[in-house]
Amino acid sequence: MPAEVGQKPKIAVAMSGGVDSSVVACLLAEAGYDLVGFTAWTLNGPGKCCNDALINAGRVCQTLGIPYDTVDLRGEFAHYVMDYYNQSYEAGLTPNPCVECNRFVKWEALIDYTLNTLGCDLMATGHYGHLVHQAQTTRVYKAADARKDQTYMMARVYPKDLRRTIFPLAHATKDQVFAYAQAKDLPTAFSKESQDVCFILNGQQHYLTSVFGPRPGPIVDMDTGTVLGEHQG
């Protein structure tokens, strides 16, 4: 814990509706912290980051007996993540939407909501990483479970936002998290993991075509100049 928040801070648990953040909420509740769970609503539709996340996170909070809140960040997500993704591809670049989402949505926007709307001192998440809060700075180290380490995705998160963050799963493995969730009979104990881009449901080609429309062009042999066929863009 950063020294400035004291020994028993009020903590907002950012909940994705998955097993990791559910276990974080349970661990902190059992430790006696004053908690509120909350979820960012970033997309319409089913699935991770969408309506299902709100339902599952709410069920966990009800099970644990802690208050639950939601924050509508669909506009921020569309601007900072989806627009960035689309514009990058149109410019011939390869985007990394999760890095931008972490920076602007999962941290900057959620820390602001944590401090200024929920009135909490810290935000806890289910990320696999290790934060060391020192007197003048917060350092990021890899998680104990190297297979699940997510610190790469935090590369562009502002230090001031990490300063108000804790990772209770820093020293846990994924297997331990699942075992704990099942032992506590949490509603998300058997939830499946997802590593896909959350707003792309039917494949990248289908998504980009829906955004930009078909953009066919010739397939050309660069050595001979021979047209070999046509691509769809």
Protein backbone atom coordinates (compact mmCIF):
# COMPACT_ATOMS: atom_id res chain seq x y z
CA MET A 1 0.00 0.00 0.00
CA PRO A 2 1.26 3.53 -0.68
CA ALA A 3 1.99 5.19 2.66
CA GLU A 4 -0.29 8.17 2.05
CA VAL A 5 -3.50 6.11 2.15
CA GLY A 6 -3.05 4.71 5.66
CA GLN A 7 -3.51 1.18 6.97
CA LYS A 8 -7.19 0.65 6.21
CA PRO A 9 -8.03 2.51 3.00
CA LYS A 10 -11.39 2.32 1.29
CA ILE A 11 -10.88 0.27 -1.86
CA ALA A 12 -12.78 0.14 -5.15
CA VAL A 13 -12.45 -3.23 -6.87
CA ALA A 14 -12.50 -2.92 -10.67
CA MET A 15 -14.44 -6.00 -11.71
CA SER A 16 -14.46 -7.48 -15.21
CA GLY A 17 -16.96 -10.22 -14.45
CA GLY A 18 -14.16 -12.79 -14.57
CA VAL A 19 -12.60 -15.01 -11.95
CA ASP A 20 -9.50 -12.91 -11.21
CA SER A 21 -11.23 -9.72 -10.08
CA SER A 22 -13.87 -11.81 -8.30
CA VAL A 23 -11.16 -13.46 -6.21
CA VAL A 24 -9.60 -10.06 -5.50
CA ALA A 25 -12.94 -8.81 -4.15
CA CYS A 26 -13.32 -11.92 -2.00
CA LEU A 27 -9.77 -11.71 -0.61
CA LEU A 28 -10.15 -8.06 0.34
CA ALA A 29 -13.61 -8.61 1.83
CA GLU A 30 -12.26 -11.42 4.01
CA ALA A 31 -9.40 -9.15 5.08
CA GLY A 32 -11.97 -6.68 6.40
CA TYR A 33 -11.48 -3.78 4.00
CA ASP A 34 -14.23 -1.26 3.26
CA LEU A 35 -15.04 -2.15 -0.35
CA VAL A 36 -17.16 -1.25 -3.32
CA GLY A 37 -17.13 -3.26 -6.52
CA PHE A 38 -17.59 -1.52 -9.85
CA THR A 39 -17.48 -2.31 -13.56
CA ALA A 40 -16.78 -0.18 -16.59
CA TRP A 41 -19.44 -0.53 -19.27
CA THR A 42 -17.45 -0.17 -22.48
CA LEU A 43 -19.48 -1.97 -25.15
CA ASN A 44 -23.01 -2.95 -25.98
CA GLY A 45 -23.72 -6.63 -26.54
CA PRO A 46 -22.80 -9.91 -24.84
CA GLY A 47 -19.38 -11.00 -23.71
CA LYS A 48 -16.33 -9.66 -21.92
CA CYS A 49 -16.33 -5.86 -21.41
CA CYS A 50 -20.05 -5.86 -22.29
CA ASN A 51 -23.37 -6.61 -20.65
CA ASP A 52 -22.31 -10.05 -19.37
CA ALA A 53 -19.49 -8.45 -17.39
CA LEU A 54 -21.92 -6.22 -15.51
CA ILE A 55 -24.23 -9.14 -14.69
CA ASN A 56 -21.46 -11.46 -13.49
CA ALA A 57 -19.68 -8.81 -11.42
CA GLY A 58 -22.96 -7.80 -9.81
CA ARG A 59 -23.66 -11.41 -8.84
CA VAL A 60 -20.25 -11.71 -7.19
CA CYS A 61 -20.76 -8.52 -5.19
CA GLN A 62 -24.19 -9.72 -4.08
CA THR A 63 -22.63 -13.00 -2.95
CA LEU A 64 -19.96 -11.15 -0.97
CA GLY A 65 -22.38 -8.60 0.45
CA ILE A 66 -20.55 -5.54 -0.87
CA PRO A 67 -22.02 -2.57 -2.78
CA TYR A 68 -21.77 -2.56 -6.55
CA ASP A 69 -21.66 0.28 -9.07
CA THR A 70 -21.18 0.73 -12.81
CA VAL A 71 -19.64 3.52 -14.85
CA ASP A 72 -20.57 4.15 -18.48
CA LEU A 73 -17.33 4.53 -20.43
CA ARG A 74 -18.65 3.62 -23.87
CA GLY A 75 -17.76 7.04 -25.25
CA GLU A 76 -14.22 6.95 -23.87
CA PHE A 77 -13.71 3.41 -25.13
CA ALA A 78 -14.93 4.28 -28.62
CA HIS A 79 -12.63 7.32 -28.77
CA TYR A 80 -9.44 6.06 -27.16
CA VAL A 81 -9.56 2.43 -28.26
CA MET A 82 -11.79 1.75 -31.26
CA ASP A 83 -11.07 4.99 -33.15
CA TYR A 84 -7.35 4.53 -32.49
CA TYR A 85 -7.55 0.94 -33.76
CA ASN A 86 -9.40 1.90 -36.92
CA GLN A 87 -7.20 4.89 -37.71
CA SER A 88 -4.04 2.85 -37.17
CA TYR A 89 -5.07 0.21 -39.69
CA GLU A 90 -6.16 2.84 -42.18
CA ALA A 91 -2.67 4.38 -41.89
CA GLY A 92 -0.99 1.01 -42.44
CA LEU A 93 0.10 0.63 -38.81
CA THR A 94 -0.37 -2.25 -36.37
CA PRO A 95 -2.32 -1.06 -33.31
CA ASN A 96 -2.22 -2.43 -29.78
CA PRO A 97 -5.70 -1.61 -28.47
CA CYS A 98 -5.27 -3.23 -25.06
CA VAL A 99 -2.31 -0.99 -24.20
CA GLU A 100 -4.35 2.11 -25.04
CA CYS A 101 -7.38 0.77 -23.19
CA ASN A 102 -5.28 0.21 -20.08
CA ARG A 103 -3.81 3.69 -20.25
CA PHE A 104 -6.93 5.76 -20.88
CA VAL A 105 -9.89 3.61 -19.82
CA LYS A 106 -8.91 0.94 -17.29
CA TRP A 107 -6.64 3.31 -15.43
CA GLU A 108 -7.03 7.03 -16.13
CA ALA A 109 -10.83 6.98 -16.29
CA LEU A 110 -11.33 4.36 -13.58
CA ILE A 111 -8.90 5.95 -11.14
CA ASP A 112 -10.73 9.25 -11.59
CA TYR A 113 -14.03 7.48 -10.88
CA THR A 114 -12.50 5.66 -7.90
CA LEU A 115 -11.24 8.82 -6.23
CA ASN A 116 -13.79 11.44 -7.22
CA THR A 117 -17.09 9.56 -7.54
CA LEU A 118 -16.79 6.51 -5.29
CA GLY A 119 -14.73 8.37 -2.69
CA CYS A 120 -12.21 5.54 -2.40
CA ASP A 121 -8.48 5.73 -1.72
CA LEU A 122 -7.28 2.90 -3.96
CA MET A 123 -8.35 0.76 -6.89
CA ALA A 124 -7.71 -2.98 -6.80
CA THR A 125 -7.70 -5.07 -9.97
CA GLY A 126 -7.27 -8.71 -10.92
CA HIS A 127 -4.25 -8.04 -13.11
CA TYR A 128 -1.21 -10.27 -12.84
CA GLY A 129 1.62 -7.92 -11.99
CA HIS A 130 3.53 -6.69 -8.97
CA LEU A 131 3.53 -3.07 -7.83
CA VAL A 132 6.05 -1.80 -5.30
CA HIS A 133 5.00 1.54 -3.82
CA GLN A 134 8.07 3.50 -2.72
CA ALA A 135 8.30 6.97 -1.19
CA GLN A 136 8.47 8.91 -4.45
CA THR A 137 7.47 6.41 -7.10
CA THR A 138 5.69 3.14 -7.90
CA ARG A 139 7.63 0.42 -9.70
CA VAL A 140 6.13 -2.34 -11.83
CA TYR A 141 7.55 -5.87 -11.65
CA LYS A 142 6.49 -9.13 -13.26
CA ALA A 143 3.91 -11.33 -11.59
CA ALA A 144 4.77 -14.60 -9.88
CA ASP A 145 2.84 -16.47 -12.59
CA ALA A 146 4.99 -15.71 -15.63
CA ARG A 147 2.46 -17.35 -17.95
CA LYS A 148 -0.18 -14.80 -16.97
CA ASP A 149 2.01 -11.74 -16.43
CA GLN A 150 0.28 -8.61 -17.80
CA THR A 151 2.87 -5.93 -17.06
CA TYR A 152 3.60 -5.40 -20.77
CA MET A 153 0.08 -4.05 -21.13
CA MET A 154 0.79 -1.45 -18.42
CA ALA A 155 3.75 0.10 -20.23
CA ARG A 156 1.91 3.35 -20.98
CA VAL A 157 -0.18 3.68 -17.81
CA TYR A 158 0.53 6.95 -16.02
CA PRO A 159 2.61 6.51 -12.83
CA LYS A 160 0.17 8.69 -10.87
CA ASP A 161 -2.59 6.19 -11.65
CA LEU A 162 -0.49 3.16 -10.71
CA ARG A 163 0.23 4.95 -7.45
CA ARG A 164 -3.42 4.48 -6.47
CA THR A 165 -3.55 0.83 -7.58
CA ILE A 166 -2.96 -2.50 -5.88
CA PHE A 167 -2.62 -5.99 -7.39
CA PRO A 168 -3.65 -8.56 -4.75
CA LEU A 169 -2.84 -11.42 -7.17
CA ALA A 170 0.82 -10.42 -7.55
CA HIS A 171 2.07 -13.60 -5.89
CA ALA A 172 -0.70 -15.98 -6.99
CA THR A 173 -0.86 -18.42 -9.87
CA LYS A 174 -3.87 -18.85 -12.10
CA ASP A 175 -4.38 -22.38 -10.80
CA GLN A 176 -4.48 -21.05 -7.23
CA VAL A 177 -7.01 -18.40 -8.24
CA PHE A 178 -9.35 -20.96 -9.80
CA ALA A 179 -8.99 -23.27 -6.79
CA TYR A 180 -9.77 -20.43 -4.37
CA ALA A 181 -12.81 -19.30 -6.39
CA GLN A 182 -14.18 -22.83 -6.45
CA ALA A 183 -13.56 -23.32 -2.73
CA LYS A 184 -15.48 -20.10 -2.03
CA ASP A 185 -18.22 -21.07 -4.50
CA LEU A 186 -17.97 -17.75 -6.35
CA PRO A 187 -20.39 -17.35 -9.30
CA THR A 188 -17.45 -16.86 -11.68
CA ALA A 189 -15.40 -19.83 -10.44
CA PHE A 190 -15.66 -21.68 -13.75
CA SER A 191 -15.62 -18.72 -16.12
CA LYS A 192 -13.63 -19.09 -19.33
CA GLU A 193 -10.68 -16.89 -20.18
CA SER A 194 -10.66 -14.65 -23.24
CA GLN A 195 -7.57 -13.26 -24.93
CA ASP A 196 -9.26 -11.84 -28.01
CA VAL A 197 -9.78 -8.17 -28.81
CA CYS A 198 -13.08 -7.63 -27.01
CA PHE A 199 -14.81 -5.54 -29.69
CA ILE A 200 -13.97 -7.92 -32.57
CA LEU A 201 -16.46 -10.77 -32.43
CA ASN A 202 -16.30 -12.33 -35.91
CA GLY A 203 -12.68 -11.95 -36.92
CA GLN A 204 -10.53 -9.00 -37.84
CA GLN A 205 -11.24 -9.10 -41.58
CA HIS A 206 -14.99 -9.02 -41.00
CA TYR A 207 -14.61 -6.15 -38.51
CA LEU A 208 -12.39 -4.00 -40.75
CA THR A 209 -14.68 -4.58 -43.72
CA SER A 210 -17.66 -3.47 -41.62
CA VAL A 211 -15.79 -0.26 -40.73
CA PHE A 212 -14.17 0.65 -44.04
CA GLY A 213 -16.11 -1.36 -46.59
CA PRO A 214 -14.42 -3.54 -49.21
CA ARG A 215 -11.31 -2.02 -50.79
CA PRO A 216 -10.27 -4.44 -53.51
CA GLY A 217 -7.01 -4.07 -55.39
CA PRO A 218 -4.55 -6.02 -57.52
CA ILE A 219 -2.12 -8.62 -56.21
CA VAL A 220 1.11 -7.88 -58.10
CA ASP A 221 4.33 -9.88 -58.41
CA MET A 222 6.91 -7.26 -57.39
CA ASP A 223 9.65 -8.86 -59.48
CA THR A 224 7.76 -9.12 -62.77
CA GLY A 225 4.89 -6.67 -62.38
CA THR A 226 2.46 -9.43 -63.30
CA VAL A 227 -1.04 -9.11 -61.84
CA LEU A 228 -1.73 -12.38 -60.07
CA GLY A 229 -5.22 -11.70 -58.81
CA GLU A 230 -7.28 -9.39 -56.65
CA HIS A 231 -7.38 -8.84 -52.89
CA GLN A 232 -10.31 -7.49 -50.90
CA GLY A 233 -8.38 -4.81 -49.04
